[in-house]
Protein backbone atom coordinates (compact mmCIF):
# COMPACT_ATOMS: atom_id res chain seq x y z
CA MET A 1 8.01 3.88 -28.90
CA GLY A 2 6.84 4.28 -25.29
CA ILE A 3 8.33 6.11 -22.38
CA LEU A 4 11.53 4.10 -22.18
CA SER A 5 12.52 5.32 -25.64
CA MET A 6 13.15 8.67 -23.97
CA PHE A 7 16.03 7.27 -21.92
CA PHE A 8 19.38 8.55 -22.99
CA LYS A 9 21.57 5.99 -24.74
CA SER A 10 23.21 3.31 -22.67
CA ARG A 11 26.83 3.79 -21.75
CA ASP A 12 29.51 1.65 -20.19
CA LYS A 13 28.53 0.65 -16.69
CA PRO A 14 30.81 2.11 -13.97
CA THR A 15 32.70 -0.31 -11.80
CA ASP A 16 30.29 -2.02 -9.44
CA TYR A 17 31.41 -0.96 -5.98
CA TYR A 18 28.28 -1.38 -3.92
CA SER A 19 25.28 -3.45 -4.82
CA GLY A 20 22.34 -3.16 -2.49
CA SER A 21 19.29 -4.17 -4.53
CA ASN A 22 19.63 -7.93 -4.44
CA TYR A 23 16.90 -8.26 -1.85
CA SER A 24 14.63 -10.44 -4.01
CA PHE A 25 16.25 -13.52 -2.49
CA LEU A 26 13.99 -12.92 0.49
CA PHE A 27 11.00 -14.00 -1.59
CA GLY A 28 10.50 -17.73 -2.06
CA SER A 29 9.59 -20.82 -0.07
CA THR A 30 8.50 -20.58 3.55
CA THR A 31 8.26 -22.91 6.53
CA SER A 32 4.59 -23.43 5.66
CA GLY A 33 5.65 -24.90 2.33
CA LYS A 34 4.00 -22.13 0.31
CA ALA A 35 5.96 -19.95 -2.09
CA VAL A 36 5.56 -16.25 -1.34
CA ASN A 37 6.16 -13.50 -3.83
CA GLU A 38 4.58 -10.17 -4.65
CA PHE A 39 1.80 -11.80 -6.68
CA THR A 40 0.84 -14.70 -4.41
CA ALA A 41 0.83 -12.32 -1.44
CA MET A 42 -1.65 -10.00 -3.14
CA GLN A 43 -4.01 -12.95 -3.63
CA THR A 44 -4.62 -13.04 0.11
CA THR A 45 -7.44 -10.79 1.25
CA ALA A 46 -5.49 -9.42 4.24
CA VAL A 47 -2.48 -8.25 2.19
CA TYR A 48 -4.65 -6.90 -0.63
CA SER A 49 -6.81 -5.02 1.85
CA CYS A 50 -3.85 -3.44 3.70
CA VAL A 51 -2.10 -2.42 0.49
CA ARG A 52 -5.30 -0.98 -0.92
CA ILE A 53 -6.12 0.98 2.26
CA LEU A 54 -2.70 2.65 2.44
CA SER A 55 -2.38 3.22 -1.32
CA GLU A 56 -5.80 4.80 -1.68
CA ALA A 57 -5.41 6.85 1.51
CA LEU A 58 -2.13 8.41 0.38
CA ALA A 59 -3.30 8.88 -3.22
CA SER A 60 -6.41 10.73 -2.07
CA LEU A 61 -4.53 13.35 0.00
CA PRO A 62 -4.37 16.88 -1.46
CA LEU A 63 -0.87 17.47 -2.85
CA HIS A 64 0.30 21.07 -3.27
CA VAL A 65 3.44 23.14 -3.75
CA TYR A 66 4.20 25.90 -1.23
CA ARG A 67 6.64 28.79 -1.00
CA TYR A 68 8.36 29.98 2.15
CA THR A 69 7.41 33.56 3.06
CA PRO A 70 8.43 35.92 5.90
CA ALA A 71 4.98 35.32 7.40
CA GLY A 72 5.18 31.53 7.05
CA LYS A 73 4.08 29.90 3.81
CA GLU A 74 1.80 30.41 0.84
CA ARG A 75 0.41 28.03 -1.75
CA VAL A 76 1.93 28.33 -5.22
CA TYR A 77 -0.11 27.91 -8.40
CA ASP A 78 2.30 28.92 -11.16
CA HIS A 79 5.13 26.42 -10.56
CA PRO A 80 5.32 23.66 -13.24
CA LEU A 81 5.24 20.95 -10.55
CA CYS A 82 1.81 22.10 -9.36
CA TYR A 83 0.01 20.67 -12.36
CA ILE A 84 2.25 17.60 -12.62
CA LEU A 85 1.81 16.54 -9.00
CA HIS A 86 -1.79 17.67 -8.46
CA ASP A 87 -3.35 16.68 -11.80
CA GLU A 88 -1.34 14.72 -14.40
CA PRO A 89 2.17 13.37 -13.80
CA ASN A 90 2.15 12.12 -17.39
CA SER A 91 -0.20 11.88 -20.36
CA GLU A 92 -1.40 8.42 -19.33
CA MET A 93 -2.19 8.79 -15.62
CA THR A 94 -3.97 11.01 -13.16
CA SER A 95 -2.23 12.05 -9.98
CA PHE A 96 -4.35 9.61 -7.97
CA VAL A 97 -3.47 6.61 -10.15
CA PHE A 98 0.21 7.56 -10.24
CA ARG A 99 0.50 7.86 -6.46
CA GLU A 100 -1.61 4.76 -5.87
CA THR A 101 0.65 2.76 -8.20
CA LEU A 102 3.89 3.93 -6.59
CA MET A 103 2.52 3.41 -3.09
CA SER A 104 1.52 -0.18 -3.91
CA HIS A 105 5.06 -0.78 -5.21
CA LEU A 106 6.44 0.65 -1.99
CA LEU A 107 4.24 -1.58 0.19
CA ILE A 108 4.99 -4.79 -1.74
CA TRP A 109 8.60 -4.39 -2.88
CA GLY A 110 9.77 -1.84 -0.32
CA ASN A 111 10.82 0.65 -3.02
CA ALA A 112 9.03 2.89 -5.51
CA TYR A 113 10.64 4.29 -8.65
CA ALA A 114 9.59 6.76 -11.33
CA GLN A 115 11.49 8.06 -14.32
CA ILE A 116 11.87 11.84 -14.32
CA ILE A 117 11.57 13.46 -17.74
CA ARG A 118 13.16 16.92 -17.81
CA ASP A 119 13.35 19.74 -20.34
CA GLY A 120 16.53 21.49 -21.45
CA ALA A 121 16.54 23.67 -18.34
CA GLY A 122 16.34 20.66 -16.04
CA ARG A 123 12.73 21.25 -15.01
CA VAL A 124 10.40 18.28 -14.59
CA VAL A 125 7.88 17.80 -17.38
CA ALA A 126 6.63 14.25 -16.64
CA LEU A 127 6.91 11.32 -14.24
CA TYR A 128 6.49 7.67 -15.25
CA PRO A 129 6.42 4.73 -12.80
CA LEU A 130 9.01 1.95 -13.15
CA LEU A 131 8.62 -1.58 -11.82
CA PRO A 132 10.83 -2.23 -8.76
CA ASN A 133 11.50 -5.86 -9.69
CA LYS A 134 13.28 -4.64 -12.84
CA MET A 135 15.44 -2.05 -11.09
CA GLU A 136 18.95 -2.42 -9.70
CA VAL A 137 20.57 0.29 -7.57
CA TRP A 138 24.33 0.51 -7.10
CA ARG A 139 27.24 2.86 -6.45
CA ASP A 140 30.48 3.35 -8.30
CA LYS A 141 33.82 3.87 -6.58
CA SER A 142 33.28 7.59 -6.34
CA GLY A 143 30.04 7.03 -4.42
CA GLU A 144 27.76 8.14 -7.25
CA ILE A 145 24.42 6.28 -7.36
CA TYR A 146 23.15 4.73 -10.59
CA TYR A 147 19.95 2.90 -11.51
CA THR A 148 19.85 0.07 -14.03
CA TYR A 149 16.40 -0.70 -15.43
CA SER A 150 16.12 -4.10 -17.14
CA ARG A 151 13.90 -4.01 -20.17
CA THR A 152 12.42 -7.37 -21.16
CA SER A 153 12.58 -8.78 -24.66
CA ASP A 154 8.85 -8.35 -25.21
CA GLU A 155 9.31 -4.59 -24.92
CA ASN A 156 11.22 -4.82 -28.23
CA TYR A 157 14.15 -2.58 -27.28
CA LYS A 158 17.57 -3.13 -28.82
CA ASP A 159 19.64 -0.96 -26.50
CA GLY A 160 19.47 -3.39 -23.57
CA PRO A 161 19.26 -2.26 -19.95
CA ALA A 162 18.92 1.47 -19.38
CA ILE A 163 21.38 3.10 -16.98
CA LEU A 164 19.92 6.14 -15.27
CA ARG A 165 21.57 8.79 -13.18
CA ARG A 166 20.26 9.73 -9.75
CA GLN A 167 18.71 12.97 -11.05
CA ASP A 168 16.67 10.98 -13.58
CA VAL A 169 14.90 8.79 -11.01
CA LEU A 170 12.40 9.52 -8.27
CA HIS A 171 13.20 6.88 -5.65
CA ILE A 172 11.09 6.46 -2.51
CA PRO A 173 12.64 3.75 -0.29
CA GLY A 174 10.92 2.03 2.57
CA LEU A 175 12.53 0.74 5.77
CA GLY A 176 16.02 -0.55 5.03
CA PHE A 177 19.41 -1.15 6.61
CA ASP A 178 21.75 0.85 4.37
CA GLY A 179 19.91 4.12 3.76
CA LEU A 180 19.80 3.39 0.04
CA LEU A 181 17.19 0.66 -0.44
CA GLY A 182 14.13 -0.44 1.41
CA TYR A 183 13.31 -4.07 2.10
CA SER A 184 10.03 -5.63 1.07
CA PRO A 185 7.59 -6.01 4.00
CA ILE A 186 6.19 -9.12 2.30
CA ALA A 187 9.64 -10.66 1.91
CA MET A 188 10.65 -9.88 5.48
CA ALA A 189 7.44 -11.45 6.84
CA LYS A 190 7.13 -14.20 4.26
CA ASN A 191 6.46 -16.92 6.85
CA ALA A 192 3.44 -15.04 8.19
CA VAL A 193 2.17 -14.47 4.65
CA GLY A 194 2.90 -18.10 3.74
CA MET A 195 0.87 -19.31 6.69
CA THR A 196 -2.02 -17.08 5.62
CA ILE A 197 -1.90 -18.62 2.14
CA ALA A 198 -1.76 -22.12 3.64
CA CYS A 199 -4.78 -21.39 5.87
CA GLU A 200 -6.80 -20.16 2.91
CA GLU A 201 -5.91 -23.22 0.85
CA TYR A 202 -6.74 -25.52 3.75
CA GLY A 203 -10.14 -23.89 4.19
CA ALA A 204 -10.90 -24.09 0.49
CA SER A 205 -9.86 -27.74 0.39
CA PHE A 206 -11.89 -28.51 3.49
CA PHE A 207 -15.13 -27.16 2.04
CA ALA A 208 -14.43 -28.73 -1.33
CA ASN A 209 -14.35 -32.12 0.38
CA GLY A 210 -17.48 -31.62 2.46
CA ALA A 211 -18.13 -30.96 6.12
CA ASN A 212 -16.28 -34.13 7.13
CA PRO A 213 -12.70 -34.07 5.85
CA GLY A 214 -12.19 -37.81 6.05
CA GLY A 215 -13.52 -41.01 7.50
CA VAL A 216 -13.79 -44.81 7.27
CA LEU A 217 -16.71 -46.94 6.10
CA GLU A 218 -16.77 -50.13 8.18
CA HIS A 219 -18.46 -53.27 6.79
CA PRO A 220 -19.05 -56.36 8.93
CA GLY A 221 -18.22 -58.67 6.05
CA VAL A 222 -15.78 -58.80 3.18
CA LEU A 223 -16.31 -56.39 0.28
CA LYS A 224 -15.58 -57.66 -3.21
CA ASP A 225 -15.27 -54.18 -4.66
CA PRO A 226 -14.27 -51.54 -2.02
CA LYS A 227 -13.60 -48.96 -4.73
CA LYS A 228 -17.20 -49.13 -5.92
CA VAL A 229 -18.51 -48.45 -2.40
CA ARG A 230 -16.08 -45.56 -1.87
CA ASP A 231 -16.87 -43.97 -5.22
CA SER A 232 -20.58 -44.35 -4.62
CA TRP A 233 -20.23 -42.64 -1.22
CA ASN A 234 -18.18 -39.75 -2.66
CA ASP A 235 -20.60 -39.23 -5.53
CA VAL A 236 -23.49 -38.69 -3.12
CA TYR A 237 -21.94 -37.02 -0.06
CA ARG A 238 -18.68 -35.36 -1.10
CA GLY A 239 -18.57 -31.60 -1.65
CA SER A 240 -19.91 -28.59 0.22
CA ASN A 241 -23.28 -28.82 -1.56
CA ASN A 242 -23.78 -32.32 -0.14
CA ALA A 243 -22.41 -31.62 3.32
CA HIS A 244 -25.72 -31.97 5.19
CA LYS A 245 -27.34 -34.83 3.31
CA VAL A 246 -28.55 -37.74 5.38
CA ALA A 247 -26.42 -40.84 4.83
CA VAL A 248 -28.13 -44.20 4.31
CA LEU A 249 -25.96 -47.19 5.24
CA GLU A 250 -26.87 -50.76 4.36
CA GLU A 251 -25.70 -54.25 5.25
CA GLY A 252 -24.57 -53.19 8.73
CA MET A 253 -22.03 -50.65 7.49
CA LYS A 254 -20.87 -47.90 9.85
CA TYR A 255 -19.18 -44.57 9.16
CA GLN A 256 -16.26 -43.66 11.44
CA GLN A 257 -14.97 -40.11 11.16
CA ILE A 258 -11.21 -39.70 11.42
CA GLY A 259 -10.78 -36.08 10.35
CA ILE A 260 -10.41 -33.26 12.85
CA PRO A 261 -13.28 -30.76 12.73
CA PRO A 262 -12.13 -27.17 12.13
CA GLU A 263 -13.53 -26.07 15.51
CA GLU A 264 -11.27 -28.56 17.28
CA ALA A 265 -8.30 -27.54 15.20
CA GLN A 266 -9.08 -23.86 15.92
CA PHE A 267 -9.11 -23.23 12.21
CA LEU A 268 -11.23 -20.09 12.40
CA GLU A 269 -9.10 -18.69 15.22
CA THR A 270 -5.96 -19.33 13.19
CA ARG A 271 -7.45 -17.56 10.18
CA LYS A 272 -8.40 -14.59 12.33
CA PHE A 273 -4.96 -14.42 13.91
CA GLN A 274 -3.26 -14.43 10.52
CA ILE A 275 -5.42 -11.56 9.30
CA ASN A 276 -4.41 -9.57 12.39
CA GLU A 277 -0.79 -10.60 11.79
CA ILE A 278 -0.84 -9.03 8.31
CA ALA A 279 -2.62 -5.95 9.69
CA ARG A 280 0.15 -5.71 12.30
CA LEU A 281 2.76 -5.94 9.55
CA TYR A 282 1.36 -2.81 7.89
CA ARG A 283 0.26 -1.20 11.17
CA ILE A 284 -3.38 -1.13 10.07
CA PRO A 285 -6.08 -0.95 12.80
CA PRO A 286 -8.00 -4.27 12.81
CA HIS A 287 -11.36 -2.55 12.27
CA MET A 288 -10.14 -1.28 8.88
CA VAL A 289 -9.66 -4.86 7.64
CA GLY A 290 -13.02 -6.04 8.96
CA ASP A 291 -12.17 -7.18 12.50
CA LEU A 292 -14.58 -5.26 14.75
CA GLU A 293 -14.21 -7.46 17.83
CA LYS A 294 -12.33 -4.84 19.85
CA SER A 295 -13.88 -1.79 18.20
CA SER A 296 -16.82 0.23 19.47
CA PHE A 297 -18.45 3.61 18.93
CA SER A 298 -16.34 4.99 21.77
CA ASN A 299 -12.91 4.00 20.45
CA ILE A 300 -13.20 3.57 16.68
CA GLU A 301 -12.71 7.31 16.03
CA GLN A 302 -9.59 7.28 18.19
CA GLN A 303 -8.25 4.27 16.28
CA SER A 304 -8.83 6.12 13.01
CA LEU A 305 -6.89 9.13 14.30
CA GLU A 306 -4.05 6.85 15.41
CA PHE A 307 -4.01 5.35 11.91
CA VAL A 308 -3.34 8.81 10.47
CA LYS A 309 -0.75 9.77 13.12
CA TYR A 310 1.25 6.56 13.44
CA THR A 311 0.66 4.71 10.17
CA LEU A 312 -0.06 7.17 7.38
CA ASP A 313 2.00 10.14 8.55
CA PRO A 314 5.42 8.40 8.33
CA TRP A 315 4.62 7.39 4.73
CA VAL A 316 3.55 10.97 3.99
CA ILE A 317 6.88 12.29 5.25
CA ARG A 318 8.79 9.75 3.10
CA TRP A 319 6.87 10.96 0.05
CA GLU A 320 7.25 14.67 0.78
CA GLN A 321 10.98 14.50 1.36
CA ALA A 322 11.63 12.22 -1.64
CA LEU A 323 9.60 14.49 -3.95
CA GLN A 324 11.36 17.59 -2.71
CA ARG A 325 14.83 16.05 -2.98
CA SER A 326 14.33 14.68 -6.50
CA LEU A 327 12.04 17.14 -8.31
CA PHE A 328 13.13 20.64 -7.33
CA LEU A 329 16.16 22.27 -8.88
CA PRO A 330 19.00 22.93 -6.38
CA LYS A 331 18.25 26.66 -6.24
CA GLU A 332 14.54 25.97 -5.61
CA LYS A 333 14.95 23.72 -2.58
CA THR A 334 15.37 26.62 -0.18
CA GLU A 335 12.35 28.46 -1.60
CA TYR A 336 9.71 25.79 -2.26
CA PHE A 337 8.41 22.68 -0.52
CA ILE A 338 5.78 20.02 -1.18
CA LYS A 339 3.07 19.06 1.28
CA LEU A 340 0.52 16.25 1.43
CA ASN A 341 -2.34 17.56 3.54
CA VAL A 342 -3.76 15.11 6.11
CA ASP A 343 -5.85 17.70 7.94
CA GLY A 344 -9.05 16.40 6.37
CA LEU A 345 -8.45 12.95 7.88
CA LEU A 346 -7.81 14.41 11.32
CA ARG A 347 -11.00 16.42 11.47
CA GLY A 348 -13.55 15.39 14.06
CA ASP A 349 -17.32 15.35 13.71
CA TYR A 350 -19.23 18.48 12.66
CA GLN A 351 -20.11 19.62 16.17
CA SER A 352 -16.52 19.24 17.41
CA ARG A 353 -15.19 21.24 14.45
CA MET A 354 -17.69 24.05 14.95
CA ASN A 355 -16.84 24.27 18.65
CA GLY A 356 -13.13 24.42 17.81
CA TYR A 357 -13.68 27.11 15.19
CA ALA A 358 -15.75 29.15 17.66
CA ILE A 359 -12.95 29.02 20.24
CA GLY A 360 -10.38 30.06 17.63
CA ARG A 361 -12.60 32.88 16.39
CA GLN A 362 -13.36 34.20 19.86
CA ASN A 363 -9.71 34.13 20.92
CA GLY A 364 -8.63 36.00 17.81
CA TRP A 365 -6.34 33.49 16.12
CA LEU A 366 -8.82 32.47 13.35
CA SER A 367 -10.56 34.72 10.86
CA SER A 368 -13.76 33.91 8.98
CA ASN A 369 -11.74 33.09 5.87
CA ASP A 370 -9.39 30.83 7.84
CA ILE A 371 -12.40 28.81 8.92
CA ARG A 372 -13.98 28.82 5.47
CA LEU A 373 -10.70 27.63 3.96
CA LEU A 374 -10.61 24.68 6.38
CA GLU A 375 -14.19 23.82 5.39
CA ASP A 376 -13.40 24.15 1.64
CA LEU A 377 -15.69 27.19 1.23
CA ASN A 378 -15.11 30.28 -0.89
CA PRO A 379 -13.61 33.24 1.03
CA ILE A 380 -15.47 36.37 2.05
CA PRO A 381 -14.11 39.51 0.32
CA GLU A 382 -11.48 41.31 2.37
CA GLU A 383 -13.41 44.57 2.29
CA GLU A 384 -16.26 42.78 4.04
CA GLY A 385 -14.01 41.68 6.89
CA GLY A 386 -13.29 38.14 5.72
CA ASN A 387 -9.67 38.25 6.91
CA LEU A 388 -10.38 40.25 10.05
CA LYS A 389 -9.52 38.69 13.41
CA LEU A 390 -11.31 39.71 16.57
CA HIS A 391 -8.20 41.10 18.29
CA GLN A 392 -7.70 43.38 15.26
CA SER A 393 -11.23 44.76 15.50
CA LEU A 394 -10.77 45.43 19.21
CA LYS A 395 -7.62 47.45 18.55
CA GLU A 396 -9.41 49.48 15.92
């Protein structure tokens, strides 16, 4: 029957007091004349690259459950969410695929949704992604939030749209104006995306018609059949494969080019600017989408660190807080928390790390096991001094 068969039965829809999900009107035609939607946008290399970079980066981060302790925090292994979030959110997906899917939804539609399947005690047993373009979010007069998921006819369900309560949906919103829904980055910047699509189509059309986009064949006399001459010319010289063939003109004919070469029209510069425009939309460093003009060995590491701090980290916080708000039981929220670890992305080169560890070890705020944990190595037994810090040994 599929995952949607697990929805509870539909009930009468509460009075529609606040509707905030009708943001799809922002998709559509642009000033460039190209229609922009979530699918046409992903056909551009710049958008696809940015979405893939952010989705894969977030999906690859270690995701763990922690417990607050008097000394700080400790990682938890026996909580049911540990396996669900770290390994398998459901029987069909790994944690990486699940997070990658939801993050791509978030970057294209501005919202990510997943159905929360709970047991009789209210604990989470599975998470299934839901398509944002089928979801409507609204409030009733009492301020309660509801989610309506539209099921298409090809899904063969008779109950119609499914109405879900807030506790049955994991909702991660992007940047928005009402605190309830995020707006699609693609929809908000549809003119920039539309121009990128137009540039790609222009370039493809240009090369399909040869190196010279247009011209005039001049004949000193009167031609009885101009179409025959034009077709003969196109058969031999039209197309990118024939772009550099030598033309042979007879009977005093001359070829006069009337098209604008792409260099004069700054076609390549326009293409490059549009790629940077999309990278700017998602706050991706240009070198990560293939533009190395302003990157060098001296600054590329710094740009990568800035990507983690200013681009990835805000998304990480959105995820952590949404997971904690939606998945923990009310009594658990003061005891447990969820963390996506970005420390691995912030690490420097090997020599820099070793120097930092040496300073921490010598100053007594890192033990051997602290360092081995950061390097993903097995700990030294405690009886052999694995957890011993230098200031402790001095006291003893």
